[in-house]
Amino acid sequence: MGPAAEAVRREVNVFVRDSGEFDAVTDFDRILRSPHDPERILPFFDGGDHLHPDDKGMQAMADAVDLTGLDCRP
């Protein structure tokens, strides 16, 4: 990802996390990002293209969703 795209990614994440526009947020970016290189997905979760998660990454994202905060009424 180039510097311009990285800047947009960061800007969008700040908005989603901090704007107050959303009732709840599950921060998939924070879950999948490498703490050693925040511009990259953790190698453990990398699906191979350095952008999309593999099955372990998908499971980590699913596990992070707070189901008690969802209204699942029909």
N, C-alpha and C. Protein backbone atom coordinates (compact mmCIF):
# COMPACT_ATOMS: atom_id res chain seq x y z
N MET A 1 0.86 -1.16 0.00
CA MET A 1 0.00 0.00 0.00
C MET A 1 0.91 1.23 0.00
N GLY A 2 0.57 2.18 -0.84
CA GLY A 2 1.36 3.40 -0.93
C GLY A 2 1.05 4.36 0.21
N PRO A 3 1.87 5.41 0.33
CA PRO A 3 1.69 6.37 1.42
C PRO A 3 0.33 7.07 1.41
N ALA A 4 -0.20 7.39 0.24
CA ALA A 4 -1.50 8.06 0.16
C ALA A 4 -2.61 7.13 0.65
N ALA A 5 -2.58 5.88 0.22
CA ALA A 5 -3.59 4.91 0.65
C ALA A 5 -3.48 4.64 2.15
N GLU A 6 -2.26 4.57 2.65
CA GLU A 6 -2.06 4.36 4.09
C GLU A 6 -2.62 5.53 4.89
N ALA A 7 -2.44 6.74 4.40
CA ALA A 7 -2.98 7.92 5.08
C ALA A 7 -4.51 7.88 5.12
N VAL A 8 -5.12 7.45 4.03
CA VAL A 8 -6.59 7.34 3.98
C VAL A 8 -7.05 6.25 4.95
N ARG A 9 -6.35 5.12 4.96
CA ARG A 9 -6.71 4.02 5.88
C ARG A 9 -6.69 4.52 7.33
N ARG A 10 -5.66 5.24 7.68
CA ARG A 10 -5.55 5.75 9.05
C ARG A 10 -6.65 6.77 9.35
N GLU A 11 -6.93 7.64 8.40
CA GLU A 11 -7.97 8.66 8.58
C GLU A 11 -9.33 8.01 8.79
N VAL A 12 -9.64 7.01 7.97
CA VAL A 12 -10.92 6.31 8.11
C VAL A 12 -11.01 5.62 9.47
N ASN A 13 -9.94 4.97 9.90
CA ASN A 13 -9.96 4.29 11.19
C ASN A 13 -10.15 5.26 12.34
N VAL A 14 -9.52 6.42 12.29
CA VAL A 14 -9.72 7.42 13.34
C VAL A 14 -11.18 7.85 13.37
N PHE A 15 -11.77 8.08 12.21
CA PHE A 15 -13.18 8.47 12.15
C PHE A 15 -14.07 7.38 12.75
N VAL A 16 -13.86 6.15 12.33
CA VAL A 16 -14.71 5.05 12.82
C VAL A 16 -14.55 4.89 14.33
N ARG A 17 -13.32 4.96 14.82
CA ARG A 17 -13.08 4.75 16.26
C ARG A 17 -13.57 5.90 17.12
N ASP A 18 -13.40 7.13 16.65
CA ASP A 18 -13.53 8.29 17.53
C ASP A 18 -14.67 9.25 17.23
N SER A 19 -15.37 9.07 16.12
CA SER A 19 -16.36 10.08 15.71
C SER A 19 -17.63 10.08 16.55
N GLY A 20 -17.97 8.94 17.14
CA GLY A 20 -19.23 8.84 17.85
C GLY A 20 -20.42 8.61 16.93
N GLU A 21 -20.17 8.41 15.65
CA GLU A 21 -21.24 8.20 14.67
C GLU A 21 -21.85 6.80 14.74
N PHE A 22 -21.18 5.89 15.42
CA PHE A 22 -21.62 4.50 15.42
C PHE A 22 -22.01 4.08 16.83
N ASP A 23 -23.02 3.22 16.92
CA ASP A 23 -23.46 2.72 18.22
C ASP A 23 -22.40 1.81 18.85
N ALA A 24 -21.71 1.07 18.01
CA ALA A 24 -20.67 0.15 18.48
C ALA A 24 -19.68 -0.08 17.35
N VAL A 25 -18.47 -0.42 17.72
CA VAL A 25 -17.43 -0.68 16.73
C VAL A 25 -16.63 -1.90 17.18
N THR A 26 -16.40 -2.82 16.28
CA THR A 26 -15.44 -3.89 16.48
C THR A 26 -14.25 -3.54 15.60
N ASP A 27 -13.13 -3.28 16.22
CA ASP A 27 -11.98 -2.74 15.51
C ASP A 27 -11.14 -3.87 14.91
N PHE A 28 -11.55 -4.33 13.73
CA PHE A 28 -10.84 -5.41 13.06
C PHE A 28 -9.42 -5.00 12.70
N ASP A 29 -9.22 -3.75 12.36
CA ASP A 29 -7.88 -3.28 12.02
C ASP A 29 -6.94 -3.48 13.21
N ARG A 30 -7.39 -3.09 14.38
CA ARG A 30 -6.55 -3.22 15.58
C ARG A 30 -6.28 -4.69 15.90
N ILE A 31 -7.25 -5.56 15.63
CA ILE A 31 -7.09 -6.99 15.91
C ILE A 31 -6.06 -7.62 14.97
N LEU A 32 -6.08 -7.22 13.71
CA LEU A 32 -5.25 -7.88 12.70
C LEU A 32 -3.88 -7.25 12.49
N ARG A 33 -3.70 -6.00 12.89
CA ARG A 33 -2.45 -5.28 12.62
C ARG A 33 -1.30 -5.79 13.47
N SER A 34 -0.11 -5.75 12.89
CA SER A 34 1.11 -6.08 13.61
C SER A 34 1.48 -4.96 14.56
N PRO A 35 1.73 -5.26 15.83
CA PRO A 35 2.16 -4.20 16.75
C PRO A 35 3.57 -3.72 16.43
N HIS A 36 4.32 -4.51 15.69
CA HIS A 36 5.70 -4.16 15.34
C HIS A 36 5.77 -3.35 14.06
N ASP A 37 4.75 -3.49 13.21
CA ASP A 37 4.69 -2.74 11.94
C ASP A 37 3.23 -2.45 11.66
N PRO A 38 2.71 -1.33 12.19
CA PRO A 38 1.27 -1.06 12.11
C PRO A 38 0.73 -0.84 10.70
N GLU A 39 1.60 -0.82 9.71
CA GLU A 39 1.12 -0.72 8.33
C GLU A 39 0.90 -2.09 7.71
N ARG A 40 1.10 -3.14 8.50
CA ARG A 40 0.99 -4.50 7.98
C ARG A 40 0.08 -5.36 8.85
N ILE A 41 -0.54 -6.33 8.21
CA ILE A 41 -1.32 -7.34 8.92
C ILE A 41 -0.33 -8.30 9.59
N LEU A 42 -0.71 -8.83 10.75
CA LEU A 42 0.14 -9.82 11.40
C LEU A 42 0.38 -11.00 10.45
N PRO A 43 1.61 -11.44 10.30
CA PRO A 43 1.88 -12.59 9.41
C PRO A 43 1.03 -13.81 9.78
N PHE A 44 0.75 -14.00 11.06
CA PHE A 44 -0.06 -15.14 11.52
C PHE A 44 -1.45 -15.12 10.91
N PHE A 45 -1.97 -13.92 10.61
CA PHE A 45 -3.32 -13.77 10.07
C PHE A 45 -3.34 -13.48 8.57
N ASP A 46 -2.21 -13.37 7.94
CA ASP A 46 -2.11 -12.95 6.53
C ASP A 46 -2.58 -14.06 5.59
N GLY A 47 -3.55 -13.72 4.75
CA GLY A 47 -4.07 -14.67 3.78
C GLY A 47 -3.17 -14.85 2.57
N GLY A 48 -2.06 -14.12 2.51
CA GLY A 48 -1.11 -14.29 1.43
C GLY A 48 -0.93 -13.05 0.57
N ASP A 49 -1.91 -12.15 0.58
CA ASP A 49 -1.79 -10.95 -0.24
C ASP A 49 -1.41 -9.72 0.59
N HIS A 50 -1.16 -9.94 1.88
CA HIS A 50 -0.77 -8.88 2.82
C HIS A 50 -1.88 -7.85 3.02
N LEU A 51 -3.10 -8.21 2.68
CA LEU A 51 -4.23 -7.32 2.82
C LEU A 51 -5.43 -8.02 3.47
N HIS A 52 -5.71 -9.24 3.04
CA HIS A 52 -6.89 -9.97 3.50
C HIS A 52 -6.47 -11.07 4.49
N PRO A 53 -7.28 -11.28 5.53
CA PRO A 53 -6.94 -12.30 6.51
C PRO A 53 -7.19 -13.72 6.01
N ASP A 54 -6.45 -14.65 6.59
CA ASP A 54 -6.69 -16.07 6.33
C ASP A 54 -7.78 -16.56 7.30
N ASP A 55 -7.97 -17.86 7.38
CA ASP A 55 -9.02 -18.41 8.25
C ASP A 55 -8.77 -18.06 9.72
N LYS A 56 -7.51 -18.05 10.15
CA LYS A 56 -7.21 -17.69 11.54
C LYS A 56 -7.56 -16.23 11.80
N GLY A 57 -7.30 -15.37 10.84
CA GLY A 57 -7.66 -13.96 10.97
C GLY A 57 -9.16 -13.77 10.99
N MET A 58 -9.86 -14.49 10.14
CA MET A 58 -11.32 -14.41 10.13
C MET A 58 -11.90 -14.87 11.48
N GLN A 59 -11.30 -15.93 12.04
CA GLN A 59 -11.77 -16.41 13.34
C GLN A 59 -11.49 -15.38 14.43
N ALA A 60 -10.33 -14.74 14.39
CA ALA A 60 -10.01 -13.70 15.37
C ALA A 60 -11.01 -12.55 15.28
N MET A 61 -11.41 -12.19 14.06
CA MET A 61 -12.39 -11.12 13.89
C MET A 61 -13.75 -11.56 14.44
N ALA A 62 -14.16 -12.78 14.14
CA ALA A 62 -15.44 -13.28 14.64
C ALA A 62 -15.44 -13.34 16.16
N ASP A 63 -14.35 -13.78 16.74
CA ASP A 63 -14.24 -13.88 18.19
C ASP A 63 -14.30 -12.51 18.87
N ALA A 64 -13.93 -11.47 18.16
CA ALA A 64 -13.87 -10.12 18.73
C ALA A 64 -15.24 -9.42 18.76
N VAL A 65 -16.22 -9.95 18.04
CA VAL A 65 -17.53 -9.31 17.99
C VAL A 65 -18.28 -9.58 19.29
N ASP A 66 -18.74 -8.51 19.93
CA ASP A 66 -19.51 -8.61 21.16
C ASP A 66 -20.96 -8.90 20.81
N LEU A 67 -21.36 -10.15 20.89
CA LEU A 67 -22.70 -10.54 20.50
C LEU A 67 -23.76 -10.00 21.44
N THR A 68 -23.39 -9.67 22.66
CA THR A 68 -24.39 -9.13 23.60
C THR A 68 -24.85 -7.74 23.17
N GLY A 69 -24.08 -7.08 22.35
CA GLY A 69 -24.45 -5.75 21.89
C GLY A 69 -25.31 -5.76 20.64
N LEU A 70 -25.60 -6.91 20.10
CA LEU A 70 -26.40 -7.01 18.88
C LEU A 70 -27.86 -7.28 19.21
N ASP A 71 -28.73 -6.63 18.49
CA ASP A 71 -30.16 -6.88 18.62
C ASP A 71 -30.54 -7.83 17.50
N CYS A 72 -30.80 -9.07 17.85
CA CYS A 72 -31.05 -10.12 16.85
C CYS A 72 -32.51 -10.51 16.76
N ARG A 73 -33.39 -9.61 17.15
CA ARG A 73 -34.82 -9.92 17.05
C ARG A 73 -35.26 -9.92 15.59
N PRO A 74 -36.18 -10.82 15.24
CA PRO A 74 -36.68 -10.84 13.85
C PRO A 74 -37.51 -9.62 13.53
